[in-house]
Amino acid sequence: MGQGHRRTNLIDEDERIFPGWYAPVLIVENGRRVVKPMRYQCRLAGKSADYDRLYPGTYNARRDNLEGFWGGTFGYTHGITVVSAFYENVSRHKAEGRELAPGEKDESVVLEFRPSEPQDMLVACLWSHWRDRNNEPELQSFAAITDDPPPEVAAAGHDRCIIPIKPEYVDSWLSPDPKNLAALYAILDDRFRPYYEHSLAA
């Protein structure tokens, strides 16, 4: 979880959730909403412990692969995490809206994307409860669902974007019906759609 749990003073980095770190995730358990700490990098149930190394990108779940790679969770174990911004690595020249100059090396920078009207966003997630037969510690972990970016995110040089859902869909999202995936896709499609402003991350 990094070093933040040993400090008493806040720093800018504390606002961010990095893959492998833990974050609060809202789920429904036994018919009640509960918040659980889960690792932000999903290890799917039934996979081996080295899954994290083999699939390091499982902190994001692509919308176009929800019934494929994520088929055991989509329609079954849904969550929501609350964020006010998201962060992405992009090429500096793309963020600056230009081509690479002759001889210039591609340089990565981190951009912070926030709604132009500051507010919390309810990010659609999938989660899994992993257990192992070899006495490994149990793990609850999650992934944020991502989709093609809106124009302003694409123009800043990134090709994916989180999906914030509208508050009126929280109950339906957290208690999904695996026999009605169309209703779940409809929630993702009718998403909360702010305009994202970006800046270089601190």
C-alpha atoms as a PDB file:
ATOM      1  CA  MET A   1       0.000   0.000   0.000  1.00  0.00           C
ATOM      2  CA  GLY A   2       2.965   2.324  -0.205  1.00  0.00           C
ATOM      3  CA  GLN A   3       4.226   4.446   2.653  1.00  0.00           C
ATOM      4  CA  GLY A   4       1.118   6.597   3.199  1.00  0.00           C
ATOM      5  CA  HIS A   5      -0.138   4.533   6.138  1.00  0.00           C
ATOM      6  CA  ARG A   6       2.947   5.503   8.181  1.00  0.00           C
ATOM      7  CA  ARG A   7       2.595   9.270   7.708  1.00  0.00           C
ATOM      8  CA  THR A   8       0.259  11.723   9.413  1.00  0.00           C
ATOM      9  CA  ASN A   9       0.662  14.543   6.879  1.00  0.00           C
ATOM     10  CA  LEU A  10      -1.056  14.511   3.471  1.00  0.00           C
ATOM     11  CA  ILE A  11       0.841  14.917   0.218  1.00  0.00           C
ATOM     12  CA  ASP A  12      -0.482  15.313  -3.355  1.00  0.00           C
ATOM     13  CA  GLU A  13       0.193  11.657  -4.125  1.00  0.00           C
ATOM     14  CA  ASP A  14      -2.302  10.598  -1.439  1.00  0.00           C
ATOM     15  CA  GLU A  15      -5.147  11.638  -3.730  1.00  0.00           C
ATOM     16  CA  ARG A  16      -4.168   8.973  -6.234  1.00  0.00           C
ATOM     17  CA  ILE A  17      -4.778   5.231  -6.331  1.00  0.00           C
ATOM     18  CA  PHE A  18      -1.983   3.304  -8.008  1.00  0.00           C
ATOM     19  CA  PRO A  19      -2.293  -0.270  -9.323  1.00  0.00           C
ATOM     20  CA  GLY A  20      -1.562  -2.641  -6.463  1.00  0.00           C
ATOM     21  CA  TRP A  21      -2.767  -0.174  -3.830  1.00  0.00           C
ATOM     22  CA  TYR A  22      -5.986  -0.547  -1.853  1.00  0.00           C
ATOM     23  CA  ALA A  23      -9.058   1.665  -2.192  1.00  0.00           C
ATOM     24  CA  PRO A  24     -12.606   1.688  -0.776  1.00  0.00           C
ATOM     25  CA  VAL A  25     -15.134  -0.024  -3.047  1.00  0.00           C
ATOM     26  CA  LEU A  26     -18.915   0.055  -2.552  1.00  0.00           C
ATOM     27  CA  ILE A  27     -20.586  -3.329  -3.112  1.00  0.00           C
ATOM     28  CA  VAL A  28     -23.761  -5.139  -2.065  1.00  0.00           C
ATOM     29  CA  GLU A  29     -23.263  -8.024   0.349  1.00  0.00           C
ATOM     30  CA  ASN A  30     -26.160 -10.011   1.797  1.00  0.00           C
ATOM     31  CA  GLY A  31     -28.568  -7.412   0.467  1.00  0.00           C
ATOM     32  CA  ARG A  32     -26.808  -4.461   2.110  1.00  0.00           C
ATOM     33  CA  ARG A  33     -24.460  -1.817   0.778  1.00  0.00           C
ATOM     34  CA  VAL A  34     -21.013  -2.119   2.318  1.00  0.00           C
ATOM     35  CA  VAL A  35     -17.659  -0.481   1.647  1.00  0.00           C
ATOM     36  CA  LYS A  36     -14.651  -2.794   1.506  1.00  0.00           C
ATOM     37  CA  PRO A  37     -10.969  -2.131   0.973  1.00  0.00           C
ATOM     38  CA  MET A  38      -9.913  -3.846  -2.246  1.00  0.00           C
ATOM     39  CA  ARG A  39      -6.713  -3.961  -4.222  1.00  0.00           C
ATOM     40  CA  TYR A  40      -6.749  -1.945  -7.431  1.00  0.00           C
ATOM     41  CA  GLN A  41      -5.637  -4.729  -9.764  1.00  0.00           C
ATOM     42  CA  CYS A  42      -8.105  -7.539 -10.135  1.00  0.00           C
ATOM     43  CA  ARG A  43      -7.032 -11.147  -9.741  1.00  0.00           C
ATOM     44  CA  LEU A  44      -9.913 -13.222 -11.046  1.00  0.00           C
ATOM     45  CA  ALA A  45     -11.169 -16.109  -8.924  1.00  0.00           C
ATOM     46  CA  GLY A  46      -9.784 -19.463  -9.958  1.00  0.00           C
ATOM     47  CA  LYS A  47      -6.574 -18.056 -11.432  1.00  0.00           C
ATOM     48  CA  SER A  48      -3.095 -18.842 -10.151  1.00  0.00           C
ATOM     49  CA  ALA A  49      -1.193 -16.531  -7.798  1.00  0.00           C
ATOM     50  CA  ASP A  50       1.191 -15.489 -10.604  1.00  0.00           C
ATOM     51  CA  TYR A  51      -1.779 -14.048 -12.525  1.00  0.00           C
ATOM     52  CA  ASP A  52      -0.802 -10.530 -11.419  1.00  0.00           C
ATOM     53  CA  ARG A  53       2.589 -10.871 -13.097  1.00  0.00           C
ATOM     54  CA  LEU A  54       1.148 -12.446 -16.249  1.00  0.00           C
ATOM     55  CA  TYR A  55      -1.649  -9.869 -16.585  1.00  0.00           C
ATOM     56  CA  PRO A  56      -0.370  -6.625 -15.019  1.00  0.00           C
ATOM     57  CA  GLY A  57      -3.033  -4.501 -16.735  1.00  0.00           C
ATOM     58  CA  THR A  58      -6.001  -5.973 -14.899  1.00  0.00           C
ATOM     59  CA  TYR A  59      -6.667  -2.761 -12.985  1.00  0.00           C
ATOM     60  CA  ASN A  60      -8.782  -1.747 -15.993  1.00  0.00           C
ATOM     61  CA  ALA A  61     -11.589  -3.787 -17.576  1.00  0.00           C
ATOM     62  CA  ARG A  62     -12.255  -2.877 -21.187  1.00  0.00           C
ATOM     63  CA  ARG A  63     -15.934  -2.385 -21.982  1.00  0.00           C
ATOM     64  CA  ASP A  64     -15.529  -4.280 -25.243  1.00  0.00           C
ATOM     65  CA  ASN A  65     -14.280  -7.382 -23.372  1.00  0.00           C
ATOM     66  CA  LEU A  66     -16.744  -7.592 -20.472  1.00  0.00           C
ATOM     67  CA  GLU A  67     -18.283 -10.845 -21.679  1.00  0.00           C
ATOM     68  CA  GLY A  68     -14.904 -12.310 -22.650  1.00  0.00           C
ATOM     69  CA  PHE A  69     -12.005 -11.905 -20.248  1.00  0.00           C
ATOM     70  CA  TRP A  70     -14.289 -10.459 -17.546  1.00  0.00           C
ATOM     71  CA  GLY A  71     -17.208 -12.820 -18.124  1.00  0.00           C
ATOM     72  CA  GLY A  72     -17.078 -14.344 -14.639  1.00  0.00           C
ATOM     73  CA  THR A  73     -17.532 -10.951 -12.973  1.00  0.00           C
ATOM     74  CA  PHE A  74     -19.660  -8.893 -15.387  1.00  0.00           C
ATOM     75  CA  GLY A  75     -23.252  -9.430 -14.354  1.00  0.00           C
ATOM     76  CA  TYR A  76     -22.201 -10.921 -11.021  1.00  0.00           C
ATOM     77  CA  THR A  77     -19.796  -8.889  -8.868  1.00  0.00           C
ATOM     78  CA  HIS A  78     -20.100  -5.156  -9.466  1.00  0.00           C
ATOM     79  CA  GLY A  79     -18.737  -2.288  -7.416  1.00  0.00           C
ATOM     80  CA  ILE A  80     -18.353   1.469  -7.400  1.00  0.00           C
ATOM     81  CA  THR A  81     -15.374   3.535  -6.344  1.00  0.00           C
ATOM     82  CA  VAL A  82     -15.663   7.280  -5.867  1.00  0.00           C
ATOM     83  CA  VAL A  83     -13.086   9.571  -7.460  1.00  0.00           C
ATOM     84  CA  SER A  84     -12.811  13.271  -8.200  1.00  0.00           C
ATOM     85  CA  ALA A  85     -10.123  12.880 -10.878  1.00  0.00           C
ATOM     86  CA  PHE A  86      -8.229  10.255 -12.832  1.00  0.00           C
ATOM     87  CA  TYR A  87      -4.621  10.117 -13.974  1.00  0.00           C
ATOM     88  CA  GLU A  88      -3.114   8.816 -17.186  1.00  0.00           C
ATOM     89  CA  ASN A  89       0.338   8.430 -18.690  1.00  0.00           C
ATOM     90  CA  VAL A  90       0.508  10.076 -22.109  1.00  0.00           C
ATOM     91  CA  SER A  91       3.219  11.124 -24.546  1.00  0.00           C
ATOM     92  CA  ARG A  92       4.255  14.728 -23.966  1.00  0.00           C
ATOM     93  CA  HIS A  93       4.010  15.634 -27.655  1.00  0.00           C
ATOM     94  CA  LYS A  94       0.461  14.232 -27.837  1.00  0.00           C
ATOM     95  CA  ALA A  95      -0.561  16.140 -24.709  1.00  0.00           C
ATOM     96  CA  GLU A  96       0.818  19.268 -26.358  1.00  0.00           C
ATOM     97  CA  GLY A  97      -1.064  18.520 -29.590  1.00  0.00           C
ATOM     98  CA  ARG A  98       1.979  18.193 -31.849  1.00  0.00           C
ATOM     99  CA  GLU A  99       4.146  15.636 -33.651  1.00  0.00           C
ATOM    100  CA  LEU A 100       7.518  14.471 -32.375  1.00  0.00           C
ATOM    101  CA  ALA A 101      10.254  16.870 -33.481  1.00  0.00           C
ATOM    102  CA  PRO A 102      13.155  15.426 -35.517  1.00  0.00           C
ATOM    103  CA  GLY A 103      15.475  13.617 -33.109  1.00  0.00           C
ATOM    104  CA  GLU A 104      13.105  14.109 -30.159  1.00  0.00           C
ATOM    105  CA  LYS A 105      12.570  11.070 -27.947  1.00  0.00           C
ATOM    106  CA  ASP A 106       9.089  10.097 -26.846  1.00  0.00           C
ATOM    107  CA  GLU A 107       8.657  11.336 -23.266  1.00  0.00           C
ATOM    108  CA  SER A 108       5.869  10.215 -20.948  1.00  0.00           C
ATOM    109  CA  VAL A 109       4.060  12.637 -18.653  1.00  0.00           C
ATOM    110  CA  VAL A 110       1.189  12.115 -16.222  1.00  0.00           C
ATOM    111  CA  LEU A 111      -1.979  14.106 -16.809  1.00  0.00           C
ATOM    112  CA  GLU A 112      -4.702  14.725 -14.268  1.00  0.00           C
ATOM    113  CA  PHE A 113      -8.238  14.782 -15.689  1.00  0.00           C
ATOM    114  CA  ARG A 114     -10.981  16.475 -13.650  1.00  0.00           C
ATOM    115  CA  PRO A 115     -14.566  17.460 -14.484  1.00  0.00           C
ATOM    116  CA  SER A 116     -14.731  21.152 -15.396  1.00  0.00           C
ATOM    117  CA  GLU A 117     -17.310  21.480 -12.609  1.00  0.00           C
ATOM    118  CA  PRO A 118     -15.529  19.746  -9.691  1.00  0.00           C
ATOM    119  CA  GLN A 119     -17.513  16.813  -8.327  1.00  0.00           C
ATOM    120  CA  ASP A 120     -17.194  13.208  -7.271  1.00  0.00           C
ATOM    121  CA  MET A 121     -17.707  10.511  -9.878  1.00  0.00           C
ATOM    122  CA  LEU A 122     -19.180   7.040  -9.269  1.00  0.00           C
ATOM    123  CA  VAL A 123     -16.850   4.824 -11.291  1.00  0.00           C
ATOM    124  CA  ALA A 124     -18.227   1.474 -12.501  1.00  0.00           C
ATOM    125  CA  CYS A 125     -16.035  -1.427 -11.333  1.00  0.00           C
ATOM    126  CA  LEU A 126     -15.858  -5.210 -11.351  1.00  0.00           C
ATOM    127  CA  TRP A 127     -14.399  -7.155  -8.449  1.00  0.00           C
ATOM    128  CA  SER A 128     -13.420 -10.678  -7.502  1.00  0.00           C
ATOM    129  CA  HIS A 129     -12.856 -12.645  -4.294  1.00  0.00           C
ATOM    130  CA  TRP A 130      -9.786 -14.824  -4.858  1.00  0.00           C
ATOM    131  CA  ARG A 131      -9.049 -17.852  -2.696  1.00  0.00           C
ATOM    132  CA  ASP A 132      -6.205 -20.340  -2.955  1.00  0.00           C
ATOM    133  CA  ARG A 133      -5.865 -23.952  -1.845  1.00  0.00           C
ATOM    134  CA  ASN A 134      -2.215 -23.498  -0.839  1.00  0.00           C
ATOM    135  CA  ASN A 135      -2.912 -21.317   2.192  1.00  0.00           C
ATOM    136  CA  GLU A 136      -2.216 -18.070   0.320  1.00  0.00           C
ATOM    137  CA  PRO A 137      -4.026 -15.072   1.882  1.00  0.00           C
ATOM    138  CA  GLU A 138      -7.464 -14.400   0.409  1.00  0.00           C
ATOM    139  CA  LEU A 139      -7.677 -11.351  -1.848  1.00  0.00           C
ATOM    140  CA  GLN A 140     -10.500  -9.035  -2.804  1.00  0.00           C
ATOM    141  CA  SER A 141      -9.547  -6.892  -5.765  1.00  0.00           C
ATOM    142  CA  PHE A 142     -11.181  -4.733  -8.412  1.00  0.00           C
ATOM    143  CA  ALA A 143     -10.835  -3.164 -11.837  1.00  0.00           C
ATOM    144  CA  ALA A 144     -12.359   0.037 -13.194  1.00  0.00           C
ATOM    145  CA  ILE A 145     -14.328  -0.367 -16.415  1.00  0.00           C
ATOM    146  CA  THR A 146     -12.929   1.766 -19.230  1.00  0.00           C
ATOM    147  CA  ASP A 147     -14.186   2.711 -22.661  1.00  0.00           C
ATOM    148  CA  ASP A 148     -13.198   4.791 -25.670  1.00  0.00           C
ATOM    149  CA  PRO A 149     -12.388   8.331 -24.515  1.00  0.00           C
ATOM    150  CA  PRO A 150     -14.455  11.458 -25.115  1.00  0.00           C
ATOM    151  CA  PRO A 151     -12.928  13.925 -27.588  1.00  0.00           C
ATOM    152  CA  GLU A 152     -11.144  16.096 -25.007  1.00  0.00           C
ATOM    153  CA  VAL A 153      -9.399  13.081 -23.429  1.00  0.00           C
ATOM    154  CA  ALA A 154      -8.412  11.715 -26.844  1.00  0.00           C
ATOM    155  CA  ALA A 155      -7.069  15.139 -27.849  1.00  0.00           C
ATOM    156  CA  ALA A 156      -4.852  15.102 -24.742  1.00  0.00           C
ATOM    157  CA  GLY A 157      -3.280  11.868 -25.972  1.00  0.00           C
ATOM    158  CA  HIS A 158      -5.074   9.068 -24.109  1.00  0.00           C
ATOM    159  CA  ASP A 159      -7.095   6.237 -25.644  1.00  0.00           C
ATOM    160  CA  ARG A 160      -9.205   5.058 -22.658  1.00  0.00           C
ATOM    161  CA  CYS A 161     -11.489   6.632 -20.069  1.00  0.00           C
ATOM    162  CA  ILE A 162     -13.255   5.559 -16.874  1.00  0.00           C
ATOM    163  CA  ILE A 163     -17.064   5.220 -16.920  1.00  0.00           C
ATOM    164  CA  PRO A 164     -18.828   7.232 -14.209  1.00  0.00           C
ATOM    165  CA  ILE A 165     -22.411   6.059 -13.754  1.00  0.00           C
ATOM    166  CA  LYS A 166     -25.377   8.216 -12.814  1.00  0.00           C
ATOM    167  CA  PRO A 167     -26.587   8.103  -9.186  1.00  0.00           C
ATOM    168  CA  GLU A 168     -30.009   6.745 -10.195  1.00  0.00           C
ATOM    169  CA  TYR A 169     -28.354   3.547 -11.470  1.00  0.00           C
ATOM    170  CA  VAL A 170     -26.360   2.700  -8.328  1.00  0.00           C
ATOM    171  CA  ASP A 171     -28.776   0.053  -7.015  1.00  0.00           C
ATOM    172  CA  SER A 172     -29.185  -1.616 -10.415  1.00  0.00           C
ATOM    173  CA  TRP A 173     -25.431  -1.635 -11.005  1.00  0.00           C
ATOM    174  CA  LEU A 174     -24.570  -3.059  -7.586  1.00  0.00           C
ATOM    175  CA  SER A 175     -27.223  -5.817  -7.804  1.00  0.00           C
ATOM    176  CA  PRO A 176     -26.835  -6.953 -11.423  1.00  0.00           C
ATOM    177  CA  ASP A 177     -28.926  -9.546 -13.227  1.00  0.00           C
ATOM    178  CA  PRO A 178     -26.601 -11.810 -15.243  1.00  0.00           C
ATOM    179  CA  LYS A 179     -29.580 -12.758 -17.429  1.00  0.00           C
ATOM    180  CA  ASN A 180     -30.055  -9.152 -18.505  1.00  0.00           C
ATOM    181  CA  LEU A 181     -26.648  -7.881 -19.608  1.00  0.00           C
ATOM    182  CA  ALA A 182     -28.357  -5.446 -21.987  1.00  0.00           C
ATOM    183  CA  ALA A 183     -29.616  -3.459 -18.978  1.00  0.00           C
ATOM    184  CA  LEU A 184     -26.063  -3.263 -17.624  1.00  0.00           C
ATOM    185  CA  TYR A 185     -24.671  -2.064 -20.946  1.00  0.00           C
ATOM    186  CA  ALA A 186     -27.447   0.546 -20.991  1.00  0.00           C
ATOM    187  CA  ILE A 187     -26.242   1.870 -17.610  1.00  0.00           C
ATOM    188  CA  LEU A 188     -22.693   2.156 -18.962  1.00  0.00           C
ATOM    189  CA  ASP A 189     -23.908   3.862 -22.133  1.00  0.00           C
ATOM    190  CA  ASP A 190     -26.124   6.372 -20.304  1.00  0.00           C
ATOM    191  CA  ARG A 191     -23.146   7.491 -18.248  1.00  0.00           C
ATOM    192  CA  PHE A 192     -22.474  10.697 -16.387  1.00  0.00           C
ATOM    193  CA  ARG A 193     -20.646  12.811 -18.953  1.00  0.00           C
ATOM    194  CA  PRO A 194     -18.686  15.770 -17.611  1.00  0.00           C
ATOM    195  CA  TYR A 195     -16.228  17.758 -19.685  1.00  0.00           C
ATOM    196  CA  TYR A 196     -12.744  16.749 -18.524  1.00  0.00           C
ATOM    197  CA  GLU A 197     -10.107  19.441 -18.118  1.00  0.00           C
ATOM    198  CA  HIS A 198      -6.514  18.242 -17.852  1.00  0.00           C
ATOM    199  CA  SER A 199      -3.264  19.478 -16.362  1.00  0.00           C
ATOM    200  CA  LEU A 200       0.144  18.051 -15.605  1.00  0.00           C
ATOM    201  CA  ALA A 201      -0.077  16.023 -12.407  1.00  0.00           C
ATOM    202  CA  ALA A 202       1.815  17.356  -9.416  1.00  0.00           C
END
